[in-house]
N, C-alpha and C. Protein backbone atom coordinates (compact mmCIF):
# COMPACT_ATOMS: atom_id res chain seq x y z
N MET A 1 -9.84 6.29 12.14
CA MET A 1 -9.10 5.40 11.31
C MET A 1 -8.96 6.40 9.70
N ILE A 2 -8.22 6.14 9.38
CA ILE A 2 -7.70 6.46 7.37
C ILE A 2 -7.42 5.62 7.10
N LEU A 3 -8.02 5.33 5.75
CA LEU A 3 -7.95 4.33 4.58
C LEU A 3 -6.59 5.07 3.39
N GLU A 4 -5.51 4.29 3.27
CA GLU A 4 -4.64 4.66 2.21
C GLU A 4 -4.97 3.87 1.15
N THR A 5 -5.43 4.82 -0.05
CA THR A 5 -5.47 3.87 -1.18
C THR A 5 -4.27 4.05 -2.25
N ALA A 6 -4.05 3.14 -3.05
CA ALA A 6 -3.07 3.41 -4.30
C ALA A 6 -3.13 2.56 -5.41
N ILE A 7 -3.89 2.76 -6.19
CA ILE A 7 -3.75 1.96 -7.61
C ILE A 7 -2.09 1.91 -8.30
N LEU A 8 -2.11 0.61 -8.08
CA LEU A 8 -0.70 0.29 -8.76
C LEU A 8 -0.43 -0.52 -9.41
N TYR A 9 0.18 0.33 -10.56
CA TYR A 9 0.04 -0.43 -12.31
C TYR A 9 2.00 -0.83 -12.10
N ILE A 10 1.70 -2.45 -12.49
CA ILE A 10 3.28 -2.73 -12.13
C ILE A 10 4.06 -3.17 -14.02
N LYS A 11 5.49 -2.57 -14.00
CA LYS A 11 5.25 -3.01 -15.29
C LYS A 11 5.10 -4.66 -15.68
N LYS A 12 4.91 -4.35 -17.19
CA LYS A 12 4.89 -5.87 -17.84
C LYS A 12 5.74 -6.66 -17.55
N GLY A 13 5.43 -8.11 -16.95
CA GLY A 13 6.43 -9.01 -16.65
C GLY A 13 7.51 -8.78 -15.80
N LYS A 14 7.02 -8.17 -14.74
CA LYS A 14 7.22 -8.28 -13.48
C LYS A 14 6.48 -8.29 -12.40
N GLU A 15 5.25 -8.62 -12.59
CA GLU A 15 4.31 -9.23 -11.62
C GLU A 15 4.83 -9.81 -10.49
N LYS A 16 5.62 -11.09 -10.83
CA LYS A 16 5.60 -12.09 -9.96
C LYS A 16 7.02 -12.13 -8.73
N GLN A 17 7.71 -10.95 -9.57
CA GLN A 17 9.27 -10.36 -8.81
C GLN A 17 8.32 -9.15 -7.84
N PHE A 18 7.67 -8.62 -8.42
CA PHE A 18 6.67 -7.38 -7.31
C PHE A 18 6.18 -8.17 -6.38
N LYS A 19 5.39 -9.33 -6.34
CA LYS A 19 4.35 -9.64 -5.28
C LYS A 19 5.58 -10.34 -4.14
N HIS A 20 6.77 -10.65 -4.55
CA HIS A 20 7.55 -11.22 -3.91
C HIS A 20 8.30 -10.36 -3.27
N ASP A 21 8.57 -9.08 -3.68
CA ASP A 21 9.12 -8.49 -2.93
C ASP A 21 8.54 -7.28 -2.02
N PHE A 22 6.79 -7.28 -2.69
CA PHE A 22 5.85 -6.75 -1.37
C PHE A 22 5.78 -7.38 -0.50
N LYS A 23 6.06 -9.04 -0.29
CA LYS A 23 5.93 -9.71 0.40
C LYS A 23 7.11 -8.65 1.84
N ILE A 24 8.00 -8.98 1.42
CA ILE A 24 9.17 -8.22 2.00
C ILE A 24 9.14 -7.25 2.89
N ALA A 25 8.58 -6.15 1.54
CA ALA A 25 8.41 -4.92 1.79
C ALA A 25 7.42 -4.65 3.14
N GLY A 26 6.62 -5.78 3.36
CA GLY A 26 5.75 -5.60 3.89
C GLY A 26 6.03 -4.98 5.67
N GLN A 27 6.92 -5.88 6.08
CA GLN A 27 7.75 -5.81 7.30
C GLN A 27 8.37 -4.61 7.70
N TYR A 28 8.38 -3.33 6.52
CA TYR A 28 8.88 -2.05 7.03
C TYR A 28 7.96 -1.39 7.32
N ILE A 29 6.14 -1.48 6.44
CA ILE A 29 5.13 -0.51 6.77
C ILE A 29 4.63 -1.13 7.89
N SER A 30 5.03 -2.43 8.43
CA SER A 30 3.94 -2.54 9.73
C SER A 30 4.67 -2.58 11.00
N ALA A 31 5.76 -1.81 10.73
CA ALA A 31 6.72 -1.30 12.07
C ALA A 31 6.25 -0.07 12.34
N ILE A 32 6.11 0.29 11.52
CA ILE A 32 5.18 2.14 12.13
C ILE A 32 4.16 2.44 13.20
N ASP A 33 4.87 3.47 13.68
CA ASP A 33 3.35 3.38 14.84
C ASP A 33 2.50 3.80 14.00
N GLY A 34 1.18 3.14 14.63
CA GLY A 34 -0.44 3.78 13.97
C GLY A 34 -0.33 3.02 12.80
N TYR A 35 0.27 2.02 12.30
CA TYR A 35 -0.38 1.50 11.24
C TYR A 35 -1.28 0.31 11.56
N LEU A 36 -2.23 0.18 11.10
CA LEU A 36 -3.09 -1.04 11.61
C LEU A 36 -3.47 -2.12 10.64
N GLY A 37 -2.97 -2.49 9.17
CA GLY A 37 -2.98 -3.58 8.54
C GLY A 37 -3.26 -3.14 7.17
N HIS A 38 -2.71 -4.10 6.16
CA HIS A 38 -2.78 -3.51 4.43
C HIS A 38 -3.05 -4.56 4.31
N SER A 39 -3.67 -4.26 3.05
CA SER A 39 -3.91 -5.60 2.10
C SER A 39 -3.64 -5.38 0.36
N LEU A 40 -3.14 -6.04 -0.20
CA LEU A 40 -2.76 -5.96 -1.97
C LEU A 40 -3.66 -6.62 -2.81
N ARG A 41 -4.38 -6.25 -3.50
CA ARG A 41 -5.50 -6.91 -4.50
C ARG A 41 -4.94 -6.44 -5.89
N LYS A 42 -5.17 -7.66 -6.36
CA LYS A 42 -5.16 -8.16 -8.06
C LYS A 42 -6.01 -8.02 -8.70
N CYS A 43 -5.80 -6.79 -9.51
CA CYS A 43 -7.27 -6.18 -10.67
C CYS A 43 -7.22 -7.78 -11.46
N VAL A 44 -9.04 -8.00 -11.34
CA VAL A 44 -9.25 -9.27 -12.44
C VAL A 44 -9.33 -9.11 -13.60
N GLU A 45 -9.31 -7.56 -14.24
CA GLU A 45 -9.19 -7.22 -15.58
C GLU A 45 -8.03 -6.88 -16.26
N HIS A 46 -7.18 -6.53 -15.34
CA HIS A 46 -5.94 -6.41 -16.07
C HIS A 46 -4.98 -6.82 -15.53
N GLU A 47 -4.41 -7.90 -15.99
CA GLU A 47 -3.30 -8.47 -14.91
C GLU A 47 -2.30 -7.59 -14.12
N ASN A 48 -1.83 -6.21 -14.50
CA ASN A 48 -0.85 -5.78 -14.11
C ASN A 48 -0.81 -4.62 -13.36
N LYS A 49 -2.33 -4.89 -12.90
CA LYS A 49 -2.78 -3.76 -12.00
C LYS A 49 -3.39 -4.32 -10.67
N TYR A 50 -2.94 -4.12 -9.84
CA TYR A 50 -2.97 -3.42 -8.28
C TYR A 50 -3.86 -2.87 -6.75
N LEU A 51 -4.20 -3.27 -6.63
CA LEU A 51 -5.02 -1.91 -5.09
C LEU A 51 -4.28 -2.03 -3.67
N LEU A 52 -3.60 -0.96 -3.43
CA LEU A 52 -2.78 -1.34 -2.21
C LEU A 52 -3.58 -0.64 -1.35
N LEU A 53 -4.40 -0.85 -0.22
CA LEU A 53 -5.59 -0.82 0.73
C LEU A 53 -4.58 -0.39 2.22
N VAL A 54 -4.62 0.34 2.86
CA VAL A 54 -3.52 0.66 4.20
C VAL A 54 -4.55 1.36 4.98
N ASP A 55 -4.54 0.57 6.55
CA ASP A 55 -5.00 1.54 7.67
C ASP A 55 -4.29 1.83 8.40
N TRP A 56 -4.63 3.43 8.50
CA TRP A 56 -3.94 3.90 9.75
C TRP A 56 -4.83 4.37 10.80
N GLU A 57 -4.04 4.21 11.98
CA GLU A 57 -4.71 5.72 13.25
C GLU A 57 -5.00 6.38 12.65
N LYS A 58 -4.50 7.46 12.33
CA LYS A 58 -4.66 9.08 11.75
C LYS A 58 -3.35 9.46 10.10
N LEU A 59 -3.63 10.27 9.64
CA LEU A 59 -3.47 10.54 8.39
C LEU A 59 -1.58 10.65 8.32
N GLU A 60 -1.29 11.01 10.10
CA GLU A 60 0.01 11.96 10.02
C GLU A 60 0.94 10.27 10.43
N ASP A 61 0.30 9.15 10.67
CA ASP A 61 1.06 8.30 10.69
C ASP A 61 1.56 7.75 9.53
N HIS A 62 0.87 8.30 8.36
CA HIS A 62 1.30 7.61 7.12
C HIS A 62 1.96 8.80 6.60
N VAL A 63 2.04 9.82 6.23
CA VAL A 63 2.57 11.04 5.78
C VAL A 63 3.31 11.54 6.47
N ILE A 64 3.47 11.23 7.85
CA ILE A 64 4.87 12.09 8.51
C ILE A 64 5.89 10.80 8.76
N GLY A 65 4.90 9.87 9.82
CA GLY A 65 4.90 8.83 10.03
C GLY A 65 6.14 8.17 9.26
N PHE A 66 5.35 7.42 8.74
CA PHE A 66 5.81 6.31 7.63
C PHE A 66 6.95 6.81 6.57
N ARG A 67 6.48 8.13 5.69
CA ARG A 67 7.31 8.79 4.63
C ARG A 67 8.44 9.42 5.75
N THR A 68 8.39 9.75 6.21
CA THR A 68 9.72 10.65 6.95
C THR A 68 10.68 9.16 7.51
N SER A 69 10.35 7.84 7.62
CA SER A 69 11.25 6.99 8.01
C SER A 69 12.17 6.48 7.60
N VAL A 70 13.36 5.50 7.67
CA VAL A 70 14.25 4.90 7.53
C VAL A 70 13.61 3.49 6.74
N GLU A 71 12.53 2.81 7.37
CA GLU A 71 11.39 1.83 6.68
C GLU A 71 11.39 2.49 5.60
N TYR A 72 11.03 3.19 4.85
CA TYR A 72 10.14 4.11 4.41
C TYR A 72 11.27 4.17 3.08
N LEU A 73 12.38 4.20 3.21
CA LEU A 73 13.20 4.53 2.46
C LEU A 73 14.10 2.68 1.81
N GLU A 74 13.69 2.20 2.83
CA GLU A 74 13.59 0.56 2.06
C GLU A 74 12.49 0.17 1.30
N TRP A 75 11.61 0.21 1.87
CA TRP A 75 10.13 0.06 1.01
C TRP A 75 10.41 0.64 -0.60
N LYS A 76 10.74 1.82 -0.46
CA LYS A 76 10.97 2.57 -1.69
C LYS A 76 12.09 1.81 -2.37
N LYS A 77 13.48 1.75 -1.83
CA LYS A 77 13.86 0.83 -2.86
C LYS A 77 13.65 -0.80 -2.98
N LEU A 78 12.68 -1.38 -2.50
CA LEU A 78 12.16 -2.18 -3.03
C LEU A 78 10.92 -2.33 -4.24
N LEU A 79 10.19 -1.42 -3.76
CA LEU A 79 9.22 -1.35 -4.90
C LEU A 79 8.80 -0.45 -5.88
N HIS A 80 9.93 0.85 -5.80
CA HIS A 80 9.11 1.61 -6.67
C HIS A 80 9.74 1.36 -8.06
N ASP A 81 10.49 0.82 -8.08
CA ASP A 81 11.20 0.74 -10.08
C ASP A 81 10.05 -0.56 -10.47
N TYR A 82 8.94 -0.64 -9.77
CA TYR A 82 8.19 -1.34 -10.47
C TYR A 82 6.85 -0.67 -10.79
N TYR A 83 7.14 0.35 -10.39
CA TYR A 83 5.51 1.29 -10.31
C TYR A 83 5.95 2.05 -12.14
N ASP A 84 4.53 1.92 -13.18
CA ASP A 84 4.62 2.53 -14.27
C ASP A 84 3.18 2.73 -14.62
N PRO A 85 2.44 4.19 -14.35
CA PRO A 85 3.23 5.59 -13.89
C PRO A 85 3.19 5.08 -12.17
N PHE A 86 3.83 6.31 -11.57
CA PHE A 86 4.07 6.19 -10.23
C PHE A 86 2.33 6.44 -9.99
N PRO A 87 2.20 5.90 -8.88
CA PRO A 87 0.93 5.97 -8.28
C PRO A 87 0.31 7.13 -8.06
N VAL A 88 -0.99 7.06 -7.57
CA VAL A 88 -1.69 8.14 -6.76
C VAL A 88 -2.04 7.84 -5.49
N VAL A 89 -1.72 8.33 -4.56
CA VAL A 89 -1.68 8.27 -3.17
C VAL A 89 -3.26 8.59 -2.75
N GLU A 90 -4.08 8.52 -1.99
CA GLU A 90 -5.28 9.16 -1.65
C GLU A 90 -5.80 8.31 -0.46
N HIS A 91 -6.05 9.24 0.64
CA HIS A 91 -6.77 9.45 2.36
C HIS A 91 -7.96 9.19 2.00
N TYR A 92 -8.89 8.24 2.98
CA TYR A 92 -9.58 8.50 3.04
C TYR A 92 -10.41 8.33 4.62
N GLU A 93 -11.62 8.68 5.16
CA GLU A 93 -12.41 8.48 6.19
C GLU A 93 -13.38 7.86 6.19
N ILE A 94 -13.34 7.16 7.03
CA ILE A 94 -15.03 6.47 7.16
C ILE A 94 -15.92 7.04 7.46
N ILE A 95 -17.39 7.04 7.08
CA ILE A 95 -18.67 8.25 7.27
C ILE A 95 -19.64 6.81 7.43
N LEU A 96 -19.41 6.07 6.56
CA LEU A 96 -20.82 4.91 6.83
C LEU A 96 -19.99 3.68 7.01
N GLU A 97 -20.22 2.57 7.83
CA GLU A 97 -19.54 0.98 7.58
C GLU A 97 -20.30 0.03 8.03
N LYS A 98 -20.35 -0.71 6.95
CA LYS A 98 -21.42 -1.66 7.41
C LYS A 98 -20.81 -3.28 7.29
N ILE A 99 -20.42 -3.95 8.03
CA ILE A 99 -19.59 -5.34 7.64
C ILE A 99 -20.68 -6.71 7.90
N LYS A 100 -20.59 -7.28 7.20
CA LYS A 100 -21.42 -8.77 6.90
C LYS A 100 -20.30 -9.49 7.33
N LEU A 101 -21.07 -10.21 8.42
CA LEU A 101 -20.35 -11.15 9.27
C LEU A 101 -21.18 -12.63 9.21
N ALA A 102 -19.89 -13.49 9.12
CA ALA A 102 -20.76 -14.82 8.69
C ALA A 102 -21.70 -15.62 9.78
């Protein structure tokens, strides 16, 4: 499994509309083969900073499957104008994982 991460800085005053459009955009990324799930987290210290986390089966599912798809064009159309600066996207593989269950 691969974890895609991106720190998103949203243009001031556009946070509410960004969250609305992000919910819509979720349908496009979730339609891609190899997509396992995603979350968007809001920074507590900075009101316009968000963290996007996406789980993929393998790296190619994101960099080829999603980024070369028609769905990506829709994602891009909805979201890319909100970013300032454009986010750096990185990918991580699991070395060690421990999850505390309730």
